[in-house]
Amino acid sequence: MAELRADVSYPLLPEWTTEEIIKVSNFYAMVEKANTSSVLKQEFINQYKDYCKVVPAIMTRKQLDRQFEEATGFSIYKTTKAIEMCPDTKFKV
């Protein structure tokens, strides 16, 4: 699991349960880690699937991505697409 940054306020929705907040926060941390060090591709994909279960609406994902990028400087969409295109098992943007 990736480390959560204390200096960043991740975009969260009030209707999420504690378990959903943990899943989404872990995915956000994984996106940051993919952009700053490296992650295992399959682990990233698994966390992305969990994220999509919590946030099934594409419009909501886009809104959260914009908010996440404003807070961190990293795009969930661009990171996910780059990982999908990567043939290696370990990945860094």
Protein backbone atom coordinates (compact mmCIF):
# COMPACT_ATOMS: atom_id res chain seq x y z
CA MET A 1 0.00 0.00 0.00
CA ALA A 2 1.24 3.48 -0.85
CA GLU A 3 1.81 6.17 1.78
CA LEU A 4 -0.82 8.89 2.19
CA ARG A 5 0.51 12.45 2.14
CA ALA A 6 -0.41 14.58 5.14
CA ASP A 7 -0.07 17.84 3.20
CA VAL A 8 -2.73 16.97 0.60
CA SER A 9 -6.49 17.04 0.99
CA TYR A 10 -7.80 14.28 -1.25
CA PRO A 11 -11.24 14.79 -2.83
CA LEU A 12 -13.77 12.62 -0.99
CA LEU A 13 -17.55 12.41 -1.12
CA PRO A 14 -19.62 12.65 2.07
CA GLU A 15 -21.83 9.68 1.20
CA TRP A 16 -18.92 7.22 1.17
CA THR A 17 -18.51 4.72 3.98
CA THR A 18 -15.26 4.49 5.94
CA GLU A 19 -14.29 1.42 3.91
CA GLU A 20 -14.92 3.28 0.64
CA ILE A 21 -12.89 6.28 1.82
CA ILE A 22 -9.99 3.96 2.63
CA LYS A 23 -10.17 2.30 -0.80
CA VAL A 24 -10.28 5.62 -2.64
CA SER A 25 -7.53 7.16 -0.50
CA ASN A 26 -5.30 4.14 -1.09
CA PHE A 27 -5.89 4.47 -4.83
CA TYR A 28 -5.05 8.19 -4.74
CA ALA A 29 -1.81 7.37 -2.91
CA MET A 30 -1.06 4.70 -5.53
CA VAL A 31 -1.49 7.25 -8.33
CA GLU A 32 0.95 9.57 -6.60
CA LYS A 33 3.41 6.73 -6.06
CA ALA A 34 3.19 5.76 -9.75
CA ASN A 35 4.18 9.31 -10.62
CA THR A 36 6.99 9.67 -8.07
CA SER A 37 8.55 6.20 -7.74
CA SER A 38 7.23 2.92 -9.11
CA VAL A 39 4.31 0.55 -8.58
CA LEU A 40 3.41 -2.98 -9.57
CA LYS A 41 1.10 -2.82 -12.55
CA GLN A 42 -1.32 -5.51 -11.30
CA GLU A 43 -1.56 -3.92 -7.85
CA PHE A 44 -2.42 -0.58 -9.48
CA ILE A 45 -5.05 -2.21 -11.71
CA ASN A 46 -6.62 -3.98 -8.73
CA GLN A 47 -6.86 -0.72 -6.78
CA TYR A 48 -8.26 1.04 -9.85
CA LYS A 49 -11.00 -1.61 -10.07
CA ASP A 50 -11.85 -1.01 -6.40
CA TYR A 51 -11.93 2.75 -7.08
CA CYS A 52 -14.33 2.21 -10.01
CA LYS A 53 -16.65 0.16 -7.79
CA VAL A 54 -16.78 3.01 -5.28
CA VAL A 55 -17.09 5.65 -8.03
CA PRO A 56 -19.04 3.95 -10.85
CA ALA A 57 -20.19 7.17 -12.59
CA ILE A 58 -17.68 8.36 -15.20
CA MET A 59 -18.76 11.98 -14.71
CA THR A 60 -18.00 11.77 -10.98
CA ARG A 61 -14.62 10.15 -11.73
CA LYS A 62 -13.78 13.04 -14.06
CA GLN A 63 -14.73 15.58 -11.39
CA LEU A 64 -12.66 13.78 -8.76
CA ASP A 65 -9.74 13.54 -11.21
CA ARG A 66 -9.80 17.31 -11.75
CA GLN A 67 -9.90 17.94 -8.01
CA PHE A 68 -7.14 15.37 -7.41
CA GLU A 69 -4.96 16.94 -10.11
CA GLU A 70 -5.46 20.41 -8.60
CA ALA A 71 -4.43 19.08 -5.18
CA THR A 72 -1.49 16.91 -6.25
CA GLY A 73 -0.48 17.83 -9.78
CA PHE A 74 -1.10 14.25 -10.96
CA SER A 75 -3.88 13.06 -13.27
CA ILE A 76 -5.66 9.81 -12.44
CA TYR A 77 -6.76 9.44 -16.07
CA LYS A 78 -3.30 10.00 -17.57
CA THR A 79 -1.62 7.73 -15.03
CA THR A 80 -4.16 4.94 -15.57
CA LYS A 81 -3.86 5.15 -19.37
CA ALA A 82 -0.05 5.10 -19.17
CA ILE A 83 -0.12 2.02 -16.94
CA GLU A 84 -2.57 0.23 -19.26
CA MET A 85 -0.18 0.82 -22.20
CA CYS A 86 2.92 -0.32 -20.28
CA PRO A 87 4.03 -3.89 -21.08
CA ASP A 88 6.16 -4.19 -17.91
CA THR A 89 5.01 -5.55 -14.56
CA LYS A 90 6.55 -2.59 -12.71
CA PHE A 91 5.64 0.92 -13.70
CA LYS A 92 6.67 4.56 -13.20
CA VAL A 93 5.25 7.51 -15.16
